[in-house]
Amino acid sequence: MKDLKYIILVVILSVAVVFLFMDKCGSSGKLNQLKGEYKEYRKIIKVENQLKEGKIKEQQEKIETLNTTIEIRNTTIAIKKKSITGLGHEVADLEDEFSNLIDKDAKINNLTKQVEVWKEKFSLAQSIIADKDEIIFSLTAQYKAQLVISNEYKELYESMQPLVEMCTKINKAQSGQIKKLKFANGLKSGLVLLISGLLVYNMVK
């Protein structure tokens, strides 16, 4: 009867050891599943992010091109304004000259020159307006491009959040597995020693 009790106890303890090994496999399986999901999602995100980064680069290049256009137009406007100032002095000189003229033909010639200068000033003013319109258009295009860039960066950030969450789960699972392994290893060692002791005791008694 005592032998039967020993056998039953050894069997129970052996089954407990087996279950501890099975629990270890279960924990590893869950961890491997999480790592697999992380790896697959990262592959998908990598492709999507490459497309987003390409779009961002394209918009950044567009902004740089528009910056160059704006700089050129501002330089052109400055030159034209300087020319208009010079033409203004020319008109003033012609007006002074006109007041001192007596001959009719000389006066007509003077007035003709004044009209020509005024036409040139008007033409320059009109072209400055066109330059400023182009600057406004370029600034608007830059704003739209920057909106696209901001949106793409936002989507890049949002797409990385599931990866961060998966990493957190993996770290948590690894920490839990380490704790379980330490506990299970200690318990298994104790059970194995206990089983061995019972077997030896049963053999030598």
Protein backbone atom coordinates (compact mmCIF):
# COMPACT_ATOMS: atom_id res chain seq x y z
CA MET A 1 0.00 0.00 0.00
CA LYS A 2 2.85 2.33 0.84
CA ASP A 3 4.55 1.46 -2.45
CA LEU A 4 1.39 2.44 -4.32
CA LYS A 5 1.32 5.77 -2.52
CA TYR A 6 4.93 6.42 -3.51
CA ILE A 7 4.21 5.47 -7.12
CA ILE A 8 1.15 7.77 -7.23
CA LEU A 9 3.15 10.64 -5.70
CA VAL A 10 6.01 10.15 -8.18
CA VAL A 11 3.55 10.07 -11.08
CA ILE A 12 1.84 13.28 -9.89
CA LEU A 13 5.17 15.05 -9.49
CA SER A 14 6.33 13.80 -12.90
CA VAL A 15 3.15 15.09 -14.51
CA ALA A 16 3.74 18.43 -12.81
CA VAL A 17 7.23 18.60 -14.33
CA VAL A 18 5.78 17.80 -17.79
CA PHE A 19 3.19 20.55 -17.42
CA LEU A 20 5.91 23.02 -16.48
CA PHE A 21 7.75 22.16 -19.70
CA MET A 22 4.52 22.52 -21.67
CA ASP A 23 3.87 25.94 -20.08
CA LYS A 24 7.33 27.07 -21.20
CA CYS A 25 6.52 26.04 -24.77
CA GLY A 26 3.22 27.92 -24.60
CA SER A 27 4.93 31.12 -23.48
CA SER A 28 7.53 30.81 -26.23
CA GLY A 29 4.79 30.23 -28.79
CA LYS A 30 2.96 33.41 -27.79
CA LEU A 31 6.19 35.41 -27.87
CA ASN A 32 7.13 34.01 -31.28
CA GLN A 33 3.66 34.90 -32.57
CA LEU A 34 4.07 38.51 -31.40
CA LYS A 35 7.52 38.71 -32.99
CA GLY A 36 6.12 37.30 -36.25
CA GLU A 37 3.30 39.86 -36.30
CA TYR A 38 5.81 42.63 -35.62
CA LYS A 39 8.09 41.45 -38.45
CA GLU A 40 5.22 41.24 -40.98
CA TYR A 41 3.76 44.63 -40.04
CA ARG A 42 7.20 46.21 -40.25
CA LYS A 43 7.60 44.91 -43.81
CA ILE A 44 4.29 46.49 -44.82
CA ILE A 45 5.08 49.77 -43.07
CA LYS A 46 8.54 49.91 -44.64
CA VAL A 47 7.06 49.90 -48.16
CA GLU A 48 4.38 52.46 -47.27
CA ASN A 49 6.89 54.70 -45.51
CA GLN A 50 9.22 54.64 -48.52
CA LEU A 51 6.35 55.96 -50.64
CA LYS A 52 5.60 58.67 -48.08
CA GLU A 53 9.26 59.66 -47.80
CA GLY A 54 9.42 59.88 -51.61
CA LYS A 55 6.38 62.18 -51.60
CA ILE A 56 7.93 64.32 -48.86
CA LYS A 57 11.18 64.62 -50.83
CA GLU A 58 9.23 65.58 -53.96
CA GLN A 59 7.37 68.34 -52.12
CA GLN A 60 10.57 69.60 -50.47
CA GLU A 61 12.22 69.88 -53.90
CA LYS A 62 9.15 71.73 -55.13
CA ILE A 63 9.45 74.21 -52.24
CA GLU A 64 13.14 74.76 -53.02
CA THR A 65 12.31 75.45 -56.69
CA LEU A 66 9.59 77.90 -55.66
CA ASN A 67 12.05 79.59 -53.27
CA THR A 68 14.42 80.13 -56.20
CA THR A 69 11.56 81.61 -58.26
CA ILE A 70 10.63 83.98 -55.42
CA GLU A 71 14.23 85.11 -54.98
CA ILE A 72 14.60 85.77 -58.72
CA ARG A 73 11.32 87.73 -58.83
CA ASN A 74 12.29 89.81 -55.78
CA THR A 75 15.65 90.63 -57.40
CA THR A 76 13.89 91.53 -60.66
CA ILE A 77 11.39 93.74 -58.83
CA ALA A 78 14.22 95.57 -57.05
CA ILE A 79 15.96 96.24 -60.41
CA LYS A 80 12.71 97.44 -62.02
CA LYS A 81 11.93 99.75 -59.09
CA LYS A 82 15.40 101.24 -59.44
CA SER A 83 14.74 101.77 -63.16
CA ILE A 84 11.40 103.43 -62.37
CA THR A 85 13.15 105.78 -59.94
CA GLY A 86 15.66 106.66 -62.68
CA LEU A 87 12.84 107.29 -65.16
CA GLY A 88 11.15 109.51 -62.58
CA HIS A 89 14.28 111.69 -62.47
CA GLU A 90 14.30 111.72 -66.27
CA VAL A 91 10.69 112.93 -66.37
CA ALA A 92 11.52 115.65 -63.84
CA ASP A 93 14.46 116.81 -65.98
CA LEU A 94 12.27 116.88 -69.10
CA GLU A 95 9.60 118.90 -67.26
CA ASP A 96 12.23 121.41 -66.13
CA GLU A 97 13.56 121.57 -69.67
CA PHE A 98 10.03 122.08 -71.07
CA SER A 99 9.46 125.17 -68.89
CA ASN A 100 12.48 126.81 -70.48
CA LEU A 101 11.61 125.98 -74.08
CA ILE A 102 10.17 128.58 -76.45
CA ASP A 103 10.24 126.83 -79.81
CA LYS A 104 7.06 124.87 -80.56
CA ASP A 105 8.80 121.93 -82.20
CA ALA A 106 11.22 121.64 -79.26
CA LYS A 107 8.26 121.59 -76.88
CA ILE A 108 6.53 118.90 -78.93
CA ASN A 109 9.73 116.86 -78.97
CA ASN A 110 10.07 117.27 -75.20
CA LEU A 111 6.49 116.21 -74.56
CA THR A 112 6.94 113.21 -76.85
CA LYS A 113 9.95 112.14 -74.80
CA GLN A 114 7.96 112.59 -71.59
CA VAL A 115 5.18 110.36 -72.94
CA GLU A 116 7.70 107.70 -73.93
CA VAL A 117 9.28 107.77 -70.48
CA TRP A 118 5.86 107.56 -68.83
CA LYS A 119 4.98 104.59 -71.05
CA GLU A 120 8.19 102.85 -69.98
CA LYS A 121 7.45 103.59 -66.32
CA PHE A 122 3.91 102.20 -66.74
CA SER A 123 5.23 99.09 -68.51
CA LEU A 124 7.71 98.46 -65.69
CA ALA A 125 4.99 98.98 -63.07
CA GLN A 126 2.76 96.46 -64.87
CA SER A 127 5.57 93.91 -65.02
CA ILE A 128 6.24 94.42 -61.29
CA ILE A 129 2.57 93.61 -60.62
CA ALA A 130 2.97 90.42 -62.72
CA ASP A 131 6.12 89.53 -60.75
CA LYS A 132 4.31 90.04 -57.45
CA ASP A 133 1.40 87.88 -58.68
CA GLU A 134 3.88 85.12 -59.45
CA ILE A 135 5.40 85.49 -55.96
CA ILE A 136 1.91 85.18 -54.43
CA PHE A 137 1.24 82.10 -56.57
CA SER A 138 4.59 80.59 -55.50
CA LEU A 139 3.91 81.29 -51.82
CA THR A 140 0.48 79.66 -52.13
CA ALA A 141 2.03 76.62 -53.83
CA GLN A 142 4.66 76.45 -51.07
CA TYR A 143 1.91 76.52 -48.42
CA LYS A 144 0.08 73.65 -50.13
CA ALA A 145 3.32 71.66 -50.48
CA GLN A 146 4.08 72.20 -46.78
CA LEU A 147 0.59 70.96 -45.89
CA VAL A 148 1.26 67.77 -47.86
CA ILE A 149 4.61 67.33 -46.06
CA SER A 150 3.00 67.88 -42.64
CA ASN A 151 0.25 65.37 -43.45
CA GLU A 152 2.76 62.77 -44.65
CA TYR A 153 4.87 63.19 -41.48
CA LYS A 154 1.70 62.83 -39.40
CA GLU A 155 0.83 59.59 -41.20
CA LEU A 156 4.42 58.36 -40.77
CA TYR A 157 4.14 58.97 -37.03
CA GLU A 158 0.74 57.30 -36.79
CA SER A 159 1.91 54.27 -38.78
CA MET A 160 4.76 53.73 -36.30
CA GLN A 161 2.46 53.65 -33.25
CA PRO A 162 1.30 50.03 -33.79
CA LEU A 163 4.99 49.02 -33.97
CA VAL A 164 5.62 50.79 -30.66
CA GLU A 165 2.63 48.99 -29.12
CA MET A 166 3.85 45.64 -30.49
CA CYS A 167 7.33 46.28 -29.05
CA THR A 168 5.74 47.03 -25.68
CA LYS A 169 3.77 43.76 -25.83
CA ILE A 170 6.90 41.82 -26.86
CA ASN A 171 8.93 43.35 -24.00
CA LYS A 172 6.10 42.57 -21.58
CA ALA A 173 5.84 38.99 -22.85
CA GLN A 174 9.63 38.55 -22.62
CA SER A 175 9.71 39.89 -19.07
CA GLY A 176 6.83 37.60 -18.11
CA GLN A 177 8.50 34.62 -19.75
CA ILE A 178 11.78 35.30 -17.93
CA LYS A 179 9.96 35.44 -14.59
CA LYS A 180 8.05 32.24 -15.38
CA LEU A 181 11.19 30.47 -16.52
CA LYS A 182 13.04 31.41 -13.35
CA PHE A 183 10.14 30.22 -11.21
CA ALA A 184 9.55 27.08 -13.30
CA ASN A 185 13.25 26.16 -13.35
CA GLY A 186 13.44 26.49 -9.59
CA LEU A 187 10.26 24.48 -9.14
CA LYS A 188 11.36 21.81 -11.65
CA SER A 189 14.70 21.42 -9.92
CA GLY A 190 12.93 21.00 -6.61
CA LEU A 191 10.45 18.49 -8.04
CA VAL A 192 13.19 16.50 -9.75
CA LEU A 193 15.17 16.36 -6.50
CA LEU A 194 12.05 15.37 -4.61
CA ILE A 195 11.20 12.62 -7.12
CA SER A 196 14.78 11.38 -7.07
CA GLY A 197 14.76 11.38 -3.29
CA LEU A 198 11.50 9.45 -3.15
CA LEU A 199 12.78 6.92 -5.69
CA VAL A 200 16.04 6.43 -3.79
CA TYR A 201 14.18 6.22 -0.49
CA ASN A 202 11.77 3.68 -1.91
CA MET A 203 14.67 1.60 -3.27
CA VAL A 204 16.80 1.53 -0.12
CA LYS A 205 14.13 1.22 2.55
